[in-house]
């Protein structure tokens, strides 16, 4: 792989990692279907490329090809790990939070009776 393609793959790997760990779960929570999520994914990808690509090229300028390849592999491994463990953990957390708020006792209004606290 030539250097330019390697830098593109490096940028895409980090972009995918941010998408999978930060944004995709929010869209899943909003119950968007796959087509809607893909539309948002493409829009977000275009936004980050326009915003970050020049900066990214400067950031990786001093990295070796081996370092770039190692980072790409680490991103892919982290994405795979996140996808296999997060859905059950995330669903469990959401279920706990939802139950906690459903069962939360309603606060009763108390009168002050003119005393200072």
PDB file of N, CA and C in Angstrom:
ATOM      1  N   UNK A   1       0.865  -1.174   0.000  1.00  0.00           N
ATOM      2  CA  UNK A   1       0.000   0.000   0.000  1.00  0.00           C
ATOM      3  C   UNK A   1       0.909   1.235   0.000  1.00  0.00           C
ATOM      4  N   UNK A   2       0.590   2.186  -0.865  1.00  0.00           N
ATOM      5  CA  UNK A   2       1.420   3.384  -0.885  1.00  0.00           C
ATOM      6  C   UNK A   2       1.087   4.286   0.314  1.00  0.00           C
ATOM      7  N   UNK A   3       1.937   5.213   0.575  1.00  0.00           N
ATOM      8  CA  UNK A   3       1.851   6.058   1.767  1.00  0.00           C
ATOM      9  C   UNK A   3       0.522   6.838   1.833  1.00  0.00           C
ATOM     10  N   UNK A   4       0.072   7.385   0.730  1.00  0.00           N
ATOM     11  CA  UNK A   4      -1.171   8.154   0.720  1.00  0.00           C
ATOM     12  C   UNK A   4      -2.362   7.270   1.093  1.00  0.00           C
ATOM     13  N   UNK A   5      -2.421   6.087   0.521  1.00  0.00           N
ATOM     14  CA  UNK A   5      -3.515   5.161   0.835  1.00  0.00           C
ATOM     15  C   UNK A   5      -3.440   4.714   2.296  1.00  0.00           C
ATOM     16  N   UNK A   6      -2.243   4.542   2.799  1.00  0.00           N
ATOM     17  CA  UNK A   6      -2.064   4.147   4.187  1.00  0.00           C
ATOM     18  C   UNK A   6      -2.548   5.248   5.134  1.00  0.00           C
ATOM     19  N   UNK A   7      -2.237   6.485   4.811  1.00  0.00           N
ATOM     20  CA  UNK A   7      -2.706   7.604   5.641  1.00  0.00           C
ATOM     21  C   UNK A   7      -4.228   7.705   5.574  1.00  0.00           C
ATOM     22  N   UNK A   8      -4.804   7.501   4.405  1.00  0.00           N
ATOM     23  CA  UNK A   8      -6.270   7.503   4.273  1.00  0.00           C
ATOM     24  C   UNK A   8      -6.892   6.388   5.120  1.00  0.00           C
ATOM     25  N   UNK A   9      -6.293   5.212   5.067  1.00  0.00           N
ATOM     26  CA  UNK A   9      -6.806   4.086   5.851  1.00  0.00           C
ATOM     27  C   UNK A   9      -6.683   4.370   7.341  1.00  0.00           C
ATOM     28  N   UNK A  10      -5.619   5.029   7.749  1.00  0.00           N
ATOM     29  CA  UNK A  10      -5.398   5.405   9.148  1.00  0.00           C
ATOM     30  C   UNK A  10      -6.481   6.383   9.598  1.00  0.00           C
ATOM     31  N   UNK A  11      -6.728   7.397   8.780  1.00  0.00           N
ATOM     32  CA  UNK A  11      -7.775   8.382   9.074  1.00  0.00           C
ATOM     33  C   UNK A  11      -9.137   7.699   9.171  1.00  0.00           C
ATOM     34  N   UNK A  12      -9.427   6.828   8.218  1.00  0.00           N
ATOM     35  CA  UNK A  12     -10.712   6.117   8.208  1.00  0.00           C
ATOM     36  C   UNK A  12     -10.865   5.195   9.419  1.00  0.00           C
ATOM     37  N   UNK A  13      -9.778   4.560   9.839  1.00  0.00           N
ATOM     38  CA  UNK A  13      -9.847   3.668  10.999  1.00  0.00           C
ATOM     39  C   UNK A  13     -10.214   4.449  12.253  1.00  0.00           C
ATOM     40  N   UNK A  14      -9.583   5.587  12.457  1.00  0.00           N
ATOM     41  CA  UNK A  14      -9.919   6.402  13.621  1.00  0.00           C
ATOM     42  C   UNK A  14     -11.319   6.991  13.504  1.00  0.00           C
ATOM     43  N   UNK A  15     -11.698   7.369  12.300  1.00  0.00           N
ATOM     44  CA  UNK A  15     -13.047   7.877  12.072  1.00  0.00           C
ATOM     45  C   UNK A  15     -14.089   6.806  12.396  1.00  0.00           C
ATOM     46  N   UNK A  16     -13.838   5.587  11.953  1.00  0.00           N
ATOM     47  CA  UNK A  16     -14.743   4.477  12.243  1.00  0.00           C
ATOM     48  C   UNK A  16     -14.816   4.195  13.740  1.00  0.00           C
ATOM     49  N   UNK A  17     -13.679   4.289  14.416  1.00  0.00           N
ATOM     50  CA  UNK A  17     -13.652   4.058  15.858  1.00  0.00           C
ATOM     51  C   UNK A  17     -14.505   5.081  16.597  1.00  0.00           C
ATOM     52  N   UNK A  18     -14.377   6.329  16.235  1.00  0.00           N
ATOM     53  CA  UNK A  18     -15.184   7.373  16.873  1.00  0.00           C
ATOM     54  C   UNK A  18     -16.665   7.149  16.567  1.00  0.00           C
ATOM     55  N   UNK A  19     -16.968   6.800  15.336  1.00  0.00           N
ATOM     56  CA  UNK A  19     -18.356   6.557  14.963  1.00  0.00           C
ATOM     57  C   UNK A  19     -18.951   5.419  15.793  1.00  0.00           C
ATOM     58  N   UNK A  20     -18.251   4.301  15.845  1.00  0.00           N
ATOM     59  CA  UNK A  20     -18.767   3.100  16.510  1.00  0.00           C
ATOM     60  C   UNK A  20     -18.902   3.308  18.025  1.00  0.00           C
ATOM     61  N   UNK A  21     -17.942   3.986  18.625  1.00  0.00           N
ATOM     62  CA  UNK A  21     -17.958   4.110  20.085  1.00  0.00           C
ATOM     63  C   UNK A  21     -18.782   5.287  20.591  1.00  0.00           C
ATOM     64  N   UNK A  22     -18.899   6.351  19.807  1.00  0.00           N
ATOM     65  CA  UNK A  22     -19.574   7.546  20.308  1.00  0.00           C
ATOM     66  C   UNK A  22     -20.905   7.870  19.645  1.00  0.00           C
ATOM     67  N   UNK A  23     -20.977   7.698  18.354  1.00  0.00           N
ATOM     68  CA  UNK A  23     -22.170   8.157  17.637  1.00  0.00           C
ATOM     69  C   UNK A  23     -23.177   7.053  17.346  1.00  0.00           C
ATOM     70  N   UNK A  24     -22.707   5.926  16.857  1.00  0.00           N
ATOM     71  CA  UNK A  24     -23.616   4.831  16.504  1.00  0.00           C
ATOM     72  C   UNK A  24     -24.523   4.418  17.667  1.00  0.00           C
ATOM     73  N   UNK A  25     -24.009   4.302  18.889  1.00  0.00           N
ATOM     74  CA  UNK A  25     -24.903   3.934  20.002  1.00  0.00           C
ATOM     75  C   UNK A  25     -26.038   4.935  20.216  1.00  0.00           C
ATOM     76  N   UNK A  26     -25.767   6.204  19.990  1.00  0.00           N
ATOM     77  CA  UNK A  26     -26.819   7.216  20.149  1.00  0.00           C
ATOM     78  C   UNK A  26     -27.896   7.054  19.089  1.00  0.00           C
ATOM     79  N   UNK A  27     -27.484   6.763  17.862  1.00  0.00           N
ATOM     80  CA  UNK A  27     -28.458   6.544  16.800  1.00  0.00           C
ATOM     81  C   UNK A  27     -29.253   5.268  17.036  1.00  0.00           C
ATOM     82  N   UNK A  28     -28.589   4.248  17.574  1.00  0.00           N
ATOM     83  CA  UNK A  28     -29.309   3.014  17.898  1.00  0.00           C
ATOM     84  C   UNK A  28     -30.322   3.265  19.010  1.00  0.00           C
ATOM     85  N   UNK A  29     -29.941   4.059  19.999  1.00  0.00           N
ATOM     86  CA  UNK A  29     -30.869   4.396  21.078  1.00  0.00           C
ATOM     87  C   UNK A  29     -32.082   5.157  20.546  1.00  0.00           C
ATOM     88  N   UNK A  30     -31.858   5.948  19.506  1.00  0.00           N
ATOM     89  CA  UNK A  30     -32.956   6.693  18.884  1.00  0.00           C
ATOM     90  C   UNK A  30     -33.776   5.811  17.954  1.00  0.00           C
ATOM     91  N   UNK A  31     -33.391   4.544  17.835  1.00  0.00           N
ATOM     92  CA  UNK A  31     -34.077   3.524  17.049  1.00  0.00           C
ATOM     93  C   UNK A  31     -34.175   3.878  15.559  1.00  0.00           C
ATOM     94  N   UNK A  32     -33.069   4.404  15.026  1.00  0.00           N
ATOM     95  CA  UNK A  32     -33.022   4.664  13.592  1.00  0.00           C
ATOM     96  C   UNK A  32     -32.761   3.360  12.858  1.00  0.00           C
ATOM     97  N   UNK A  33     -33.322   3.230  11.671  1.00  0.00           N
ATOM     98  CA  UNK A  33     -33.057   2.020  10.904  1.00  0.00           C
ATOM     99  C   UNK A  33     -31.701   2.146  10.199  1.00  0.00           C
ATOM    100  N   UNK A  34     -31.271   1.073   9.575  1.00  0.00           N
ATOM    101  CA  UNK A  34     -29.943   1.021   8.977  1.00  0.00           C
ATOM    102  C   UNK A  34     -29.754   2.082   7.888  1.00  0.00           C
ATOM    103  N   UNK A  35     -30.770   2.318   7.072  1.00  0.00           N
ATOM    104  CA  UNK A  35     -30.654   3.307   5.999  1.00  0.00           C
ATOM    105  C   UNK A  35     -30.493   4.720   6.575  1.00  0.00           C
ATOM    106  N   UNK A  36     -31.261   5.034   7.615  1.00  0.00           N
ATOM    107  CA  UNK A  36     -31.139   6.350   8.244  1.00  0.00           C
ATOM    108  C   UNK A  36     -29.763   6.519   8.883  1.00  0.00           C
ATOM    109  N   UNK A  37     -29.296   5.473   9.556  1.00  0.00           N
ATOM    110  CA  UNK A  37     -27.975   5.548  10.185  1.00  0.00           C
ATOM    111  C   UNK A  37     -26.885   5.717   9.135  1.00  0.00           C
ATOM    112  N   UNK A  38     -27.000   5.035   8.022  1.00  0.00           N
ATOM    113  CA  UNK A  38     -26.000   5.150   6.965  1.00  0.00           C
ATOM    114  C   UNK A  38     -25.980   6.566   6.393  1.00  0.00           C
ATOM    115  N   UNK A  39     -27.139   7.179   6.275  1.00  0.00           N
ATOM    116  CA  UNK A  39     -27.209   8.556   5.787  1.00  0.00           C
ATOM    117  C   UNK A  39     -26.461   9.494   6.736  1.00  0.00           C
ATOM    118  N   UNK A  40     -26.695   9.339   8.032  1.00  0.00           N
ATOM    119  CA  UNK A  40     -25.984  10.144   9.017  1.00  0.00           C
ATOM    120  C   UNK A  40     -24.490   9.837   9.001  1.00  0.00           C
ATOM    121  N   UNK A  41     -24.135   8.577   8.839  1.00  0.00           N
ATOM    122  CA  UNK A  41     -22.729   8.171   8.815  1.00  0.00           C
ATOM    123  C   UNK A  41     -21.999   8.849   7.672  1.00  0.00           C
ATOM    124  N   UNK A  42     -22.600   8.854   6.507  1.00  0.00           N
ATOM    125  CA  UNK A  42     -21.963   9.473   5.344  1.00  0.00           C
ATOM    126  C   UNK A  42     -21.846  10.990   5.515  1.00  0.00           C
ATOM    127  N   UNK A  43     -22.872  11.606   6.064  1.00  0.00           N
ATOM    128  CA  UNK A  43     -22.813  13.051   6.310  1.00  0.00           C
ATOM    129  C   UNK A  43     -21.726  13.385   7.329  1.00  0.00           C
ATOM    130  N   UNK A  44     -21.640  12.584   8.383  1.00  0.00           N
ATOM    131  CA  UNK A  44     -20.629  12.812   9.404  1.00  0.00           C
ATOM    132  C   UNK A  44     -19.230  12.591   8.844  1.00  0.00           C
ATOM    133  N   UNK A  45     -19.074  11.560   8.016  1.00  0.00           N
ATOM    134  CA  UNK A  45     -17.779  11.270   7.411  1.00  0.00           C
ATOM    135  C   UNK A  45     -17.332  12.436   6.528  1.00  0.00           C
ATOM    136  N   UNK A  46     -18.239  12.971   5.732  1.00  0.00           N
ATOM    137  CA  UNK A  46     -17.910  14.132   4.899  1.00  0.00           C
ATOM    138  C   UNK A  46     -17.518  15.344   5.734  1.00  0.00           C
ATOM    139  N   UNK A  47     -18.229  15.528   6.828  1.00  0.00           N
ATOM    140  CA  UNK A  47     -17.930  16.652   7.728  1.00  0.00           C
ATOM    141  C   UNK A  47     -16.541  16.514   8.336  1.00  0.00           C
ATOM    142  N   UNK A  48     -16.212  15.327   8.847  1.00  0.00           N
ATOM    143  CA  UNK A  48     -14.907  15.147   9.492  1.00  0.00           C
ATOM    144  C   UNK A  48     -13.766  15.222   8.482  1.00  0.00           C
ATOM    145  N   UNK A  49     -13.994  14.733   7.263  1.00  0.00           N
ATOM    146  CA  UNK A  49     -12.951  14.844   6.247  1.00  0.00           C
ATOM    147  C   UNK A  49     -12.673  16.303   5.918  1.00  0.00           C
ATOM    148  N   UNK A  50     -13.722  17.085   5.749  1.00  0.00           N
ATOM    149  CA  UNK A  50     -13.543  18.505   5.440  1.00  0.00           C
ATOM    150  C   UNK A  50     -12.883  19.244   6.606  1.00  0.00           C
ATOM    151  N   UNK A  51     -13.247  18.874   7.807  1.00  0.00           N
ATOM    152  CA  UNK A  51     -12.741  19.569   8.990  1.00  0.00           C
ATOM    153  C   UNK A  51     -11.333  19.126   9.374  1.00  0.00           C
ATOM    154  N   UNK A  52     -11.028  17.806   9.290  1.00  0.00           N
ATOM    155  CA  UNK A  52      -9.820  17.266   9.918  1.00  0.00           C
ATOM    156  C   UNK A  52      -8.736  16.753   8.974  1.00  0.00           C
ATOM    157  N   UNK A  53      -9.018  16.589   7.689  1.00  0.00           N
ATOM    158  CA  UNK A  53      -8.070  15.902   6.820  1.00  0.00           C
ATOM    159  C   UNK A  53      -6.708  16.597   6.770  1.00  0.00           C
ATOM    160  N   UNK A  54      -6.677  17.901   6.576  1.00  0.00           N
ATOM    161  CA  UNK A  54      -5.395  18.614   6.501  1.00  0.00           C
ATOM    162  C   UNK A  54      -4.625  18.482   7.808  1.00  0.00           C
ATOM    163  N   UNK A  55      -5.323  18.626   8.913  1.00  0.00           N
ATOM    164  CA  UNK A  55      -4.688  18.488  10.227  1.00  0.00           C
ATOM    165  C   UNK A  55      -4.131  17.076  10.397  1.00  0.00           C
ATOM    166  N   UNK A  56      -4.906  16.078   9.964  1.00  0.00           N
ATOM    167  CA  UNK A  56      -4.500  14.683  10.122  1.00  0.00           C
ATOM    168  C   UNK A  56      -3.211  14.390   9.351  1.00  0.00           C
ATOM    169  N   UNK A  57      -3.097  14.916   8.157  1.00  0.00           N
ATOM    170  CA  UNK A  57      -1.894  14.688   7.361  1.00  0.00           C
ATOM    171  C   UNK A  57      -0.659  15.223   8.080  1.00  0.00           C
ATOM    172  N   UNK A  58      -0.794  16.370   8.709  1.00  0.00           N
ATOM    173  CA  UNK A  58       0.317  16.911   9.485  1.00  0.00           C
ATOM    174  C   UNK A  58       0.609  16.080  10.719  1.00  0.00           C
ATOM    175  N   UNK A  59      -0.438  15.557  11.334  1.00  0.00           N
ATOM    176  CA  UNK A  59      -0.299  14.758  12.556  1.00  0.00           C
ATOM    177  C   UNK A  59       0.497  13.479  12.298  1.00  0.00           C
ATOM    178  N   UNK A  60       0.259  12.830  11.173  1.00  0.00           N
ATOM    179  CA  UNK A  60       0.893  11.528  10.909  1.00  0.00           C
ATOM    180  C   UNK A  60       2.167  11.642  10.072  1.00  0.00           C
ATOM    181  N   UNK A  61       2.551  12.843   9.729  1.00  0.00           N
ATOM    182  CA  UNK A  61       3.714  13.040   8.854  1.00  0.00           C
ATOM    183  C   UNK A  61       4.967  12.325   9.373  1.00  0.00           C
ATOM    184  N   UNK A  62       5.215  12.369  10.663  1.00  0.00           N
ATOM    185  CA  UNK A  62       6.416  11.763  11.221  1.00  0.00           C
ATOM    186  C   UNK A  62       6.286  10.301  11.584  1.00  0.00           C
ATOM    187  N   UNK A  63       5.132   9.702  11.361  1.00  0.00           N
ATOM    188  CA  UNK A  63       4.933   8.294  11.708  1.00  0.00           C
ATOM    189  C   UNK A  63       5.430   7.383  10.591  1.00  0.00           C
ATOM    190  N   UNK A  64       5.967   6.257  10.984  1.00  0.00           N
ATOM    191  CA  UNK A  64       6.415   5.278   9.986  1.00  0.00           C
ATOM    192  C   UNK A  64       5.213   4.498   9.470  1.00  0.00           C
ATOM    193  N   UNK A  65       5.397   3.812   8.363  1.00  0.00           N
ATOM    194  CA  UNK A  65       4.336   2.970   7.811  1.00  0.00           C
ATOM    195  C   UNK A  65       3.933   1.887   8.811  1.00  0.00           C
ATOM    196  N   UNK A  66       4.921   1.341   9.497  1.00  0.00           N
ATOM    197  CA  UNK A  66       4.640   0.286  10.482  1.00  0.00           C
ATOM    198  C   UNK A  66       3.783   0.832  11.626  1.00  0.00           C
ATOM    199  N   UNK A  67       4.066   2.047  12.059  1.00  0.00           N
ATOM    200  CA  UNK A  67       3.258   2.654  13.129  1.00  0.00           C
ATOM    201  C   UNK A  67       1.822   2.892  12.663  1.00  0.00           C
ATOM    202  N   UNK A  68       1.685   3.358  11.444  1.00  0.00           N
ATOM    203  CA  UNK A  68       0.342   3.576  10.892  1.00  0.00           C
ATOM    204  C   UNK A  68      -0.424   2.256  10.814  1.00  0.00           C
ATOM    205  N   UNK A  69       0.223   1.226  10.324  1.00  0.00           N
ATOM    206  CA  UNK A  69      -0.424  -0.083  10.213  1.00  0.00           C
ATOM    207  C   UNK A  69      -0.798  -0.638  11.588  1.00  0.00           C
ATOM    208  N   UNK A  70       0.073  -0.450  12.567  1.00  0.00           N
ATOM    209  CA  UNK A  70      -0.225  -0.909  13.931  1.00  0.00           C
ATOM    210  C   UNK A  70      -1.450  -0.167  14.488  1.00  0.00           C
ATOM    211  N   UNK A  71      -1.495   1.153  14.287  1.00  0.00           N
ATOM    212  CA  UNK A  71      -2.651   1.932  14.754  1.00  0.00           C
ATOM    213  C   UNK A  71      -3.944   1.481  14.086  1.00  0.00           C
ATOM    214  N   UNK A  72      -3.881   1.214  12.808  1.00  0.00           N
ATOM    215  CA  UNK A  72      -5.063   0.754  12.075  1.00  0.00           C
ATOM    216  C   UNK A  72      -5.555  -0.567  12.660  1.00  0.00           C
ATOM    217  N   UNK A  73      -4.648  -1.486  12.888  1.00  0.00           N
ATOM    218  CA  UNK A  73      -5.015  -2.790  13.459  1.00  0.00           C
ATOM    219  C   UNK A  73      -5.606  -2.620  14.859  1.00  0.00           C
ATOM    220  N   UNK A  74      -5.043  -1.726  15.653  1.00  0.00           N
ATOM    221  CA  UNK A  74      -5.566  -1.481  16.998  1.00  0.00           C
ATOM    222  C   UNK A  74      -6.977  -0.890  16.951  1.00  0.00           C
ATOM    223  N   UNK A  75      -7.200   0.019  16.025  1.00  0.00           N
ATOM    224  CA  UNK A  75      -8.546   0.590  15.869  1.00  0.00           C
ATOM    225  C   UNK A  75      -9.549  -0.490  15.492  1.00  0.00           C
ATOM    226  N   UNK A  76      -9.185  -1.332  14.538  1.00  0.00           N
ATOM    227  CA  UNK A  76     -10.086  -2.407  14.107  1.00  0.00           C
ATOM    228  C   UNK A  76     -10.371  -3.387  15.246  1.00  0.00           C
ATOM    229  N   UNK A  77      -9.349  -3.691  16.033  1.00  0.00           N
ATOM    230  CA  UNK A  77      -9.546  -4.594  17.176  1.00  0.00           C
ATOM    231  C   UNK A  77     -10.453  -3.948  18.226  1.00  0.00           C
ATOM    232  N   UNK A  78     -10.266  -2.668  18.463  1.00  0.00           N
ATOM    233  CA  UNK A  78     -11.106  -1.979  19.442  1.00  0.00           C
ATOM    234  C   UNK A  78     -12.548  -1.897  18.968  1.00  0.00           C
ATOM    235  N   UNK A  79     -12.745  -1.669  17.699  1.00  0.00           N
ATOM    236  CA  UNK A  79     -14.103  -1.645  17.131  1.00  0.00           C
ATOM    237  C   UNK A  79     -14.759  -3.010  17.302  1.00  0.00           C
ATOM    238  N   UNK A  80     -14.045  -4.061  16.969  1.00  0.00           N
ATOM    239  CA  UNK A  80     -14.595  -5.420  17.098  1.00  0.00           C
ATOM    240  C   UNK A  80     -14.938  -5.723  18.549  1.00  0.00           C
ATOM    241  N   UNK A  81     -14.070  -5.342  19.448  1.00  0.00           N
ATOM    242  CA  UNK A  81     -14.310  -5.566  20.874  1.00  0.00           C
ATOM    243  C   UNK A  81     -15.515  -4.774  21.356  1.00  0.00           C
ATOM    244  N   UNK A  82     -15.606  -3.546  20.939  1.00  0.00           N
ATOM    245  CA  UNK A  82     -16.726  -2.690  21.359  1.00  0.00           C
ATOM    246  C   UNK A  82     -18.051  -3.246  20.861  1.00  0.00           C
ATOM    247  N   UNK A  83     -18.081  -3.671  19.637  1.00  0.00           N
ATOM    248  CA  UNK A  83     -19.329  -4.191  19.067  1.00  0.00           C
ATOM    249  C   UNK A  83     -19.766  -5.492  19.731  1.00  0.00           C
ATOM    250  N   UNK A  84     -18.826  -6.322  20.140  1.00  0.00           N
ATOM    251  CA  UNK A  84     -19.213  -7.597  20.749  1.00  0.00           C
ATOM    252  C   UNK A  84     -19.634  -7.439  22.200  1.00  0.00           C
ATOM    253  N   UNK A  85     -19.106  -6.476  22.910  1.00  0.00           N
ATOM    254  CA  UNK A  85     -19.442  -6.350  24.327  1.00  0.00           C
ATOM    255  C   UNK A  85     -20.439  -5.251  24.630  1.00  0.00           C
ATOM    256  N   UNK A  86     -20.547  -4.241  23.806  1.00  0.00           N
ATOM    257  CA  UNK A  86     -21.293  -3.056  24.181  1.00  0.00           C
ATOM    258  C   UNK A  86     -22.791  -3.222  24.122  1.00  0.00           C
ATOM    259  N   UNK A  87     -23.305  -3.871  23.109  1.00  0.00           N
ATOM    260  CA  UNK A  87     -24.748  -3.939  23.001  1.00  0.00           C
ATOM    261  C   UNK A  87     -25.399  -4.523  24.251  1.00  0.00           C
ATOM    262  N   UNK A  88     -24.961  -5.675  24.750  1.00  0.00           N
ATOM    263  CA  UNK A  88     -25.580  -6.186  25.975  1.00  0.00           C
ATOM    264  C   UNK A  88     -25.344  -5.265  27.175  1.00  0.00           C
ATOM    265  N   UNK A  89     -24.125  -4.738  27.327  1.00  0.00           N
ATOM    266  CA  UNK A  89     -23.836  -3.844  28.442  1.00  0.00           C
ATOM    267  C   UNK A  89     -24.664  -2.570  28.346  1.00  0.00           C
ATOM    268  N   UNK A  90     -24.742  -2.023  27.162  1.00  0.00           N
ATOM    269  CA  UNK A  90     -25.483  -0.777  26.952  1.00  0.00           C
ATOM    270  C   UNK A  90     -26.975  -1.003  27.212  1.00  0.00           C
ATOM    271  N   UNK A  91     -27.496  -2.108  26.698  1.00  0.00           N
ATOM    272  CA  UNK A  91     -28.913  -2.401  26.914  1.00  0.00           C
ATOM    273  C   UNK A  91     -29.195  -2.632  28.389  1.00  0.00           C
ATOM    274  N   UNK A  92     -28.299  -3.313  29.070  1.00  0.00           N
ATOM    275  CA  UNK A  92     -28.468  -3.555  30.500  1.00  0.00           C
ATOM    276  C   UNK A  92     -28.451  -2.233  31.266  1.00  0.00           C
ATOM    277  N   UNK A  93     -27.517  -1.368  30.940  1.00  0.00           N
ATOM    278  CA  UNK A  93     -27.428  -0.064  31.597  1.00  0.00           C
ATOM    279  C   UNK A  93     -28.699   0.744  31.353  1.00  0.00           C
ATOM    280  N   UNK A  94     -29.152   0.770  30.116  1.00  0.00           N
ATOM    281  CA  UNK A  94     -30.373   1.522  29.786  1.00  0.00           C
ATOM    282  C   UNK A  94     -31.567   0.961  30.552  1.00  0.00           C
ATOM    283  N   UNK A  95     -31.654  -0.349  30.651  1.00  0.00           N
ATOM    284  CA  UNK A  95     -32.741  -0.982  31.384  1.00  0.00           C
ATOM    285  C   UNK A  95     -32.696  -0.596  32.864  1.00  0.00           C
ATOM    286  N   UNK A  96     -31.509  -0.595  33.457  1.00  0.00           N
ATOM    287  CA  UNK A  96     -31.364  -0.221  34.864  1.00  0.00           C
ATOM    288  C   UNK A  96     -31.771   1.226  35.075  1.00  0.00           C
ATOM    289  N   UNK A  97     -31.302   2.112  34.213  1.00  0.00           N
ATOM    290  CA  UNK A  97     -31.627   3.533  34.349  1.00  0.00           C
ATOM    291  C   UNK A  97     -33.122   3.760  34.158  1.00  0.00           C
ATOM    292  N   UNK A  98     -33.702   3.112  33.159  1.00  0.00           N
ATOM    293  CA  UNK A  98     -35.132   3.278  32.918  1.00  0.00           C
ATOM    294  C   UNK A  98     -35.949   2.821  34.117  1.00  0.00           C
ATOM    295  N   UNK A  99     -35.600   1.685  34.698  1.00  0.00           N
ATOM    296  CA  UNK A  99     -36.326   1.176  35.861  1.00  0.00           C
ATOM    297  C   UNK A  99     -36.135   2.112  37.039  1.00  0.00           C
ATOM    298  N   UNK A 100     -34.939   2.607  37.221  1.00  0.00           N
ATOM    299  CA  UNK A 100     -34.650   3.508  38.334  1.00  0.00           C
ATOM    300  C   UNK A 100     -35.546   4.741  38.267  1.00  0.00           C
ATOM    301  N   UNK A 101     -35.697   5.314  37.072  1.00  0.00           N
ATOM    302  CA  UNK A 101     -36.520   6.510  36.952  1.00  0.00           C
ATOM    303  C   UNK A 101     -38.012   6.209  36.986  1.00  0.00           C
ATOM    304  N   UNK A 102     -38.403   5.025  36.532  1.00  0.00           N
ATOM    305  CA  UNK A 102     -39.814   4.652  36.602  1.00  0.00           C
ATOM    306  C   UNK A 102     -40.249   4.461  38.049  1.00  0.00           C
ATOM    307  N   UNK A 103     -39.380   3.903  38.868  1.00  0.00           N
ATOM    308  CA  UNK A 103     -39.718   3.597  40.262  1.00  0.00           C
ATOM    309  C   UNK A 103     -39.347   4.713  41.232  1.00  0.00           C
ATOM    310  N   UNK A 104     -38.869   5.812  40.726  1.00  0.00           N
ATOM    311  CA  UNK A 104     -38.453   6.914  41.589  1.00  0.00           C
ATOM    312  C   UNK A 104     -39.685   7.498  42.277  1.00  0.00           C
ATOM    313  N   UNK A 105     -39.652   7.604  43.608  1.00  0.00           N
ATOM    314  CA  UNK A 105     -40.806   8.164  44.304  1.00  0.00           C
ATOM    315  C   UNK A 105     -40.978   9.640  43.959  1.00  0.00           C
ATOM    316  N   UNK A 106     -42.208  10.033  43.879  1.00  0.00           N
ATOM    317  CA  UNK A 106     -42.486  11.431  43.590  1.00  0.00           C
ATOM    318  C   UNK A 106     -42.250  12.246  44.851  1.00  0.00           C
ATOM    319  N   UNK A 107     -41.617  13.384  44.677  1.00  0.00           N
ATOM    320  CA  UNK A 107     -41.347  14.245  45.825  1.00  0.00           C
ATOM    321  C   UNK A 107     -42.621  14.964  46.214  1.00  0.00           C
ATOM    322  N   UNK A 108     -42.817  15.049  47.497  1.00  0.00           N
ATOM    323  CA  UNK A 108     -43.980  15.759  47.995  1.00  0.00           C
ATOM    324  C   UNK A 108     -43.575  17.178  48.342  1.00  0.00           C
ATOM    325  N   UNK A 109     -44.442  18.081  48.028  1.00  0.00           N
ATOM    326  CA  UNK A 109     -44.168  19.471  48.357  1.00  0.00           C
ATOM    327  C   UNK A 109     -44.321  19.656  49.869  1.00  0.00           C
ATOM    328  N   UNK A 110     -43.382  20.345  50.455  1.00  0.00           N
ATOM    329  CA  UNK A 110     -43.469  20.632  51.888  1.00  0.00           C
ATOM    330  C   UNK A 110     -43.602  22.126  52.069  1.00  0.00           C
ATOM    331  N   UNK A 111     -44.286  22.488  53.096  1.00  0.00           N
ATOM    332  CA  UNK A 111     -44.452  23.905  53.374  1.00  0.00           C
ATOM    333  C   UNK A 111     -43.345  24.370  54.300  1.00  0.00           C
ATOM    334  N   UNK A 112     -42.933  25.607  54.153  1.00  0.00           N
ATOM    335  CA  UNK A 112     -41.812  26.135  54.888  1.00  0.00           C
ATOM    336  C   UNK A 112     -42.206  26.622  56.281  1.00  0.00           C
ATOM    337  N   UNK A 113     -43.395  26.996  56.528  1.00  0.00           N
ATOM    338  CA  UNK A 113     -43.900  27.476  57.820  1.00  0.00           C
ATOM    339  C   UNK A 113     -43.055  28.619  58.381  1.00  0.00           C
ATOM    340  N   UNK A 114     -42.401  29.363  57.514  1.00  0.00           N
ATOM    341  CA  UNK A 114     -41.712  30.551  57.949  1.00  0.00           C
ATOM    342  C   UNK A 114     -40.379  30.332  58.641  1.00  0.00           C
ATOM    343  N   UNK A 115     -39.869  29.120  58.713  1.00  0.00           N
ATOM    344  CA  UNK A 115     -38.588  28.858  59.380  1.00  0.00           C
ATOM    345  C   UNK A 115     -37.450  29.021  58.382  1.00  0.00           C
ATOM    346  N   UNK A 116     -36.315  29.509  58.905  1.00  0.00           N
ATOM    347  CA  UNK A 116     -35.126  29.622  58.054  1.00  0.00           C
ATOM    348  C   UNK A 116     -34.351  28.325  58.135  1.00  0.00           C
ATOM    349  N   UNK A 117     -33.773  27.949  57.063  1.00  0.00           N
ATOM    350  CA  UNK A 117     -32.992  26.720  57.042  1.00  0.00           C
ATOM    351  C   UNK A 117     -31.540  27.036  56.875  1.00  0.00           C
TER     352      UNK A 117
END
